[in-house]
Amino acid sequence: MTKLLTMLALLSYASTCIRLLCYRRGLANYRIHISVVAWFLIVATGTCALEIMLGYAHPSFGQVCIALTLCLLVYRAQGNVANIIRGMQ
């Protein structure tokens, strides 16, 4: 069970980080505060994925649920952090 949770968390964090890195703004307006939030998400998810790959982190069930939820939100918004934030308001 622990290996399954670890793999789920690793895949969730890595795919979230990659999706955010590959986002293309297109005609959307540039907003610095959204870019800073996106940058923090990229750094945080990338760091978590690296920690799991290197064996420093062992995610719990709750952490895996949070990672999967964040991954689903990012993919649903097609990598657009502004759409995720706008959905909360």
N, C-alpha and C. Protein backbone atom coordinates (compact mmCIF):
# COMPACT_ATOMS: atom_id res chain seq x y z
N MET A 1 0.82 -1.20 0.00
CA MET A 1 0.00 0.00 0.00
C MET A 1 0.86 1.25 0.00
N THR A 2 1.98 1.19 0.73
CA THR A 2 2.85 2.36 0.80
C THR A 2 3.46 2.69 -0.55
N LYS A 3 3.84 1.65 -1.31
CA LYS A 3 4.42 1.89 -2.63
C LYS A 3 3.39 2.49 -3.58
N LEU A 4 2.16 2.03 -3.47
CA LEU A 4 1.10 2.58 -4.31
C LEU A 4 0.87 4.06 -4.00
N LEU A 5 0.80 4.41 -2.73
CA LEU A 5 0.63 5.82 -2.34
C LEU A 5 1.80 6.66 -2.81
N THR A 6 3.00 6.12 -2.68
CA THR A 6 4.19 6.85 -3.10
C THR A 6 4.18 7.10 -4.60
N MET A 7 3.82 6.09 -5.37
CA MET A 7 3.78 6.25 -6.83
C MET A 7 2.67 7.22 -7.26
N LEU A 8 1.52 7.15 -6.60
CA LEU A 8 0.44 8.09 -6.92
C LEU A 8 0.85 9.53 -6.64
N ALA A 9 1.49 9.74 -5.50
CA ALA A 9 1.93 11.09 -5.16
C ALA A 9 3.00 11.57 -6.14
N LEU A 10 3.95 10.71 -6.45
CA LEU A 10 5.01 11.09 -7.39
C LEU A 10 4.45 11.46 -8.75
N LEU A 11 3.57 10.63 -9.27
CA LEU A 11 2.97 10.92 -10.58
C LEU A 11 2.11 12.18 -10.55
N SER A 12 1.40 12.39 -9.45
CA SER A 12 0.55 13.59 -9.34
C SER A 12 1.40 14.85 -9.31
N TYR A 13 2.41 14.86 -8.46
CA TYR A 13 3.27 16.04 -8.35
C TYR A 13 4.03 16.30 -9.65
N ALA A 14 4.58 15.26 -10.23
CA ALA A 14 5.36 15.44 -11.46
C ALA A 14 4.48 15.92 -12.61
N SER A 15 3.31 15.33 -12.78
CA SER A 15 2.45 15.74 -13.89
C SER A 15 1.90 17.16 -13.68
N THR A 16 1.64 17.53 -12.45
CA THR A 16 1.19 18.90 -12.16
C THR A 16 2.30 19.89 -12.50
N CYS A 17 3.51 19.60 -12.08
CA CYS A 17 4.64 20.48 -12.36
C CYS A 17 4.87 20.62 -13.87
N ILE A 18 4.84 19.50 -14.58
CA ILE A 18 5.06 19.54 -16.03
C ILE A 18 3.95 20.30 -16.73
N ARG A 19 2.70 20.09 -16.31
CA ARG A 19 1.58 20.79 -16.95
C ARG A 19 1.67 22.30 -16.73
N LEU A 20 2.06 22.70 -15.54
CA LEU A 20 2.21 24.13 -15.28
C LEU A 20 3.38 24.72 -16.06
N LEU A 21 4.45 23.96 -16.20
CA LEU A 21 5.60 24.43 -16.97
C LEU A 21 5.29 24.58 -18.46
N CYS A 22 4.39 23.74 -18.97
CA CYS A 22 4.07 23.74 -20.40
C CYS A 22 2.91 24.68 -20.77
N TYR A 23 2.38 25.43 -19.81
CA TYR A 23 1.26 26.32 -20.09
C TYR A 23 1.69 27.43 -21.03
N ARG A 24 0.88 27.67 -22.05
CA ARG A 24 1.08 28.77 -22.99
C ARG A 24 0.01 29.82 -22.76
N ARG A 25 0.43 31.06 -22.54
CA ARG A 25 -0.50 32.12 -22.20
C ARG A 25 -1.39 32.51 -23.36
N GLY A 26 -0.87 32.54 -24.57
CA GLY A 26 -1.67 32.92 -25.73
C GLY A 26 -2.11 34.38 -25.64
N LEU A 27 -3.40 34.62 -25.75
CA LEU A 27 -3.94 35.98 -25.71
C LEU A 27 -4.37 36.42 -24.31
N ALA A 28 -4.15 35.57 -23.32
CA ALA A 28 -4.54 35.92 -21.95
C ALA A 28 -3.68 37.06 -21.42
N ASN A 29 -4.27 37.87 -20.56
CA ASN A 29 -3.55 39.00 -19.97
C ASN A 29 -2.49 38.50 -18.99
N TYR A 30 -1.37 39.22 -18.94
CA TYR A 30 -0.30 38.89 -17.99
C TYR A 30 -0.60 39.59 -16.67
N ARG A 31 -0.64 38.81 -15.59
CA ARG A 31 -0.83 39.36 -14.26
C ARG A 31 0.25 38.81 -13.35
N ILE A 32 0.99 39.70 -12.74
CA ILE A 32 2.16 39.32 -11.97
C ILE A 32 1.80 38.44 -10.78
N HIS A 33 0.70 38.73 -10.09
CA HIS A 33 0.37 37.95 -8.91
C HIS A 33 -0.02 36.52 -9.29
N ILE A 34 -0.64 36.32 -10.42
CA ILE A 34 -0.97 34.97 -10.90
C ILE A 34 0.32 34.23 -11.29
N SER A 35 1.24 34.95 -11.90
CA SER A 35 2.51 34.34 -12.29
C SER A 35 3.32 33.91 -11.08
N VAL A 36 3.27 34.71 -10.02
CA VAL A 36 4.00 34.35 -8.79
C VAL A 36 3.38 33.10 -8.16
N VAL A 37 2.06 33.02 -8.13
CA VAL A 37 1.40 31.84 -7.58
C VAL A 37 1.75 30.61 -8.42
N ALA A 38 1.73 30.76 -9.74
CA ALA A 38 2.08 29.63 -10.62
C ALA A 38 3.52 29.20 -10.40
N TRP A 39 4.42 30.16 -10.23
CA TRP A 39 5.82 29.84 -9.98
C TRP A 39 5.98 29.07 -8.67
N PHE A 40 5.29 29.51 -7.63
CA PHE A 40 5.36 28.80 -6.35
C PHE A 40 4.80 27.38 -6.47
N LEU A 41 3.73 27.21 -7.23
CA LEU A 41 3.18 25.87 -7.44
C LEU A 41 4.16 24.98 -8.20
N ILE A 42 4.82 25.54 -9.20
CA ILE A 42 5.82 24.77 -9.96
C ILE A 42 6.96 24.34 -9.05
N VAL A 43 7.46 25.27 -8.25
CA VAL A 43 8.57 24.95 -7.35
C VAL A 43 8.15 23.94 -6.30
N ALA A 44 6.97 24.12 -5.73
CA ALA A 44 6.51 23.22 -4.67
C ALA A 44 6.26 21.81 -5.19
N THR A 45 5.56 21.69 -6.31
CA THR A 45 5.27 20.36 -6.84
C THR A 45 6.53 19.68 -7.36
N GLY A 46 7.42 20.45 -7.97
CA GLY A 46 8.68 19.88 -8.43
C GLY A 46 9.55 19.40 -7.29
N THR A 47 9.59 20.18 -6.21
CA THR A 47 10.36 19.80 -5.04
C THR A 47 9.79 18.55 -4.39
N CYS A 48 8.48 18.47 -4.28
CA CYS A 48 7.85 17.28 -3.70
C CYS A 48 8.15 16.04 -4.54
N ALA A 49 8.07 16.18 -5.86
CA ALA A 49 8.37 15.04 -6.74
C ALA A 49 9.83 14.60 -6.58
N LEU A 50 10.74 15.56 -6.51
CA LEU A 50 12.15 15.21 -6.32
C LEU A 50 12.41 14.55 -4.97
N GLU A 51 11.77 15.06 -3.93
CA GLU A 51 11.94 14.46 -2.60
C GLU A 51 11.46 13.01 -2.58
N ILE A 52 10.36 12.74 -3.25
CA ILE A 52 9.84 11.38 -3.30
C ILE A 52 10.78 10.49 -4.12
N MET A 53 11.26 11.00 -5.26
CA MET A 53 12.17 10.21 -6.09
C MET A 53 13.47 9.88 -5.37
N LEU A 54 13.96 10.81 -4.59
CA LEU A 54 15.22 10.60 -3.88
C LEU A 54 15.05 9.84 -2.57
N GLY A 55 13.83 9.58 -2.17
CA GLY A 55 13.56 8.79 -0.99
C GLY A 55 13.52 9.57 0.31
N TYR A 56 13.46 10.89 0.23
CA TYR A 56 13.41 11.71 1.44
C TYR A 56 12.00 11.86 2.00
N ALA A 57 10.99 11.67 1.18
CA ALA A 57 9.62 11.87 1.61
C ALA A 57 8.83 10.58 1.45
N HIS A 58 7.94 10.34 2.39
CA HIS A 58 7.04 9.19 2.34
C HIS A 58 5.63 9.73 2.58
N PRO A 59 4.88 9.96 1.48
CA PRO A 59 3.57 10.62 1.61
C PRO A 59 2.54 9.74 2.30
N SER A 60 1.70 10.40 3.05
CA SER A 60 0.58 9.72 3.71
C SER A 60 -0.64 9.73 2.78
N PHE A 61 -1.69 9.09 3.23
CA PHE A 61 -2.92 9.03 2.44
C PHE A 61 -3.48 10.43 2.18
N GLY A 62 -3.47 11.27 3.20
CA GLY A 62 -3.98 12.64 3.06
C GLY A 62 -3.17 13.47 2.07
N GLN A 63 -1.86 13.31 2.11
CA GLN A 63 -1.00 14.05 1.18
C GLN A 63 -1.24 13.60 -0.26
N VAL A 64 -1.47 12.32 -0.44
CA VAL A 64 -1.74 11.81 -1.79
C VAL A 64 -3.07 12.35 -2.29
N CYS A 65 -4.06 12.44 -1.43
CA CYS A 65 -5.36 13.00 -1.82
C CYS A 65 -5.23 14.47 -2.23
N ILE A 66 -4.44 15.22 -1.48
CA ILE A 66 -4.22 16.62 -1.83
C ILE A 66 -3.48 16.73 -3.16
N ALA A 67 -2.48 15.90 -3.37
CA ALA A 67 -1.71 15.92 -4.62
C ALA A 67 -2.60 15.58 -5.81
N LEU A 68 -3.45 14.57 -5.65
CA LEU A 68 -4.36 14.20 -6.74
C LEU A 68 -5.39 15.30 -7.03
N THR A 69 -5.89 15.93 -5.98
CA THR A 69 -6.85 17.01 -6.16
C THR A 69 -6.22 18.19 -6.89
N LEU A 70 -5.02 18.56 -6.49
CA LEU A 70 -4.31 19.66 -7.16
C LEU A 70 -4.04 19.31 -8.61
N CYS A 71 -3.65 18.08 -8.86
CA CYS A 71 -3.40 17.64 -10.23
C CYS A 71 -4.67 17.72 -11.08
N LEU A 72 -5.77 17.27 -10.54
CA LEU A 72 -7.04 17.35 -11.28
C LEU A 72 -7.46 18.79 -11.55
N LEU A 73 -7.27 19.66 -10.57
CA LEU A 73 -7.62 21.07 -10.77
C LEU A 73 -6.76 21.72 -11.86
N VAL A 74 -5.47 21.42 -11.84
CA VAL A 74 -4.57 22.01 -12.84
C VAL A 74 -4.91 21.50 -14.23
N TYR A 75 -5.16 20.21 -14.37
CA TYR A 75 -5.51 19.68 -15.69
C TYR A 75 -6.88 20.15 -16.16
N ARG A 76 -7.81 20.30 -15.23
CA ARG A 76 -9.14 20.80 -15.60
C ARG A 76 -9.06 22.24 -16.10
N ALA A 77 -8.17 23.03 -15.50
CA ALA A 77 -7.98 24.42 -15.92
C ALA A 77 -6.99 24.54 -17.06
N GLN A 78 -6.50 23.42 -17.59
CA GLN A 78 -5.54 23.36 -18.68
C GLN A 78 -4.26 24.12 -18.35
N GLY A 79 -3.85 24.06 -17.09
CA GLY A 79 -2.61 24.69 -16.66
C GLY A 79 -2.73 26.17 -16.33
N ASN A 80 -3.92 26.73 -16.46
CA ASN A 80 -4.15 28.15 -16.22
C ASN A 80 -4.48 28.38 -14.75
N VAL A 81 -3.52 28.89 -14.01
CA VAL A 81 -3.69 29.09 -12.57
C VAL A 81 -4.78 30.14 -12.30
N ALA A 82 -4.93 31.10 -13.18
CA ALA A 82 -5.97 32.12 -12.99
C ALA A 82 -7.36 31.49 -12.99
N ASN A 83 -7.58 30.46 -13.80
CA ASN A 83 -8.88 29.79 -13.80
C ASN A 83 -9.12 29.05 -12.50
N ILE A 84 -8.08 28.51 -11.91
CA ILE A 84 -8.23 27.81 -10.63
C ILE A 84 -8.59 28.82 -9.55
N ILE A 85 -7.89 29.94 -9.52
CA ILE A 85 -8.13 30.96 -8.49
C ILE A 85 -9.51 31.60 -8.70
N ARG A 86 -9.85 31.86 -9.95
CA ARG A 86 -11.15 32.46 -10.26
C ARG A 86 -12.30 31.55 -9.84
N GLY A 87 -12.09 30.24 -9.92
CA GLY A 87 -13.11 29.28 -9.52
C GLY A 87 -13.38 29.31 -8.03
N MET A 88 -12.42 29.81 -7.23
CA MET A 88 -12.59 29.87 -5.79
C MET A 88 -13.40 31.09 -5.36
N GLN A 89 -13.48 32.09 -6.20
CA GLN A 89 -14.14 33.33 -5.80
C GLN A 89 -15.63 33.25 -5.99
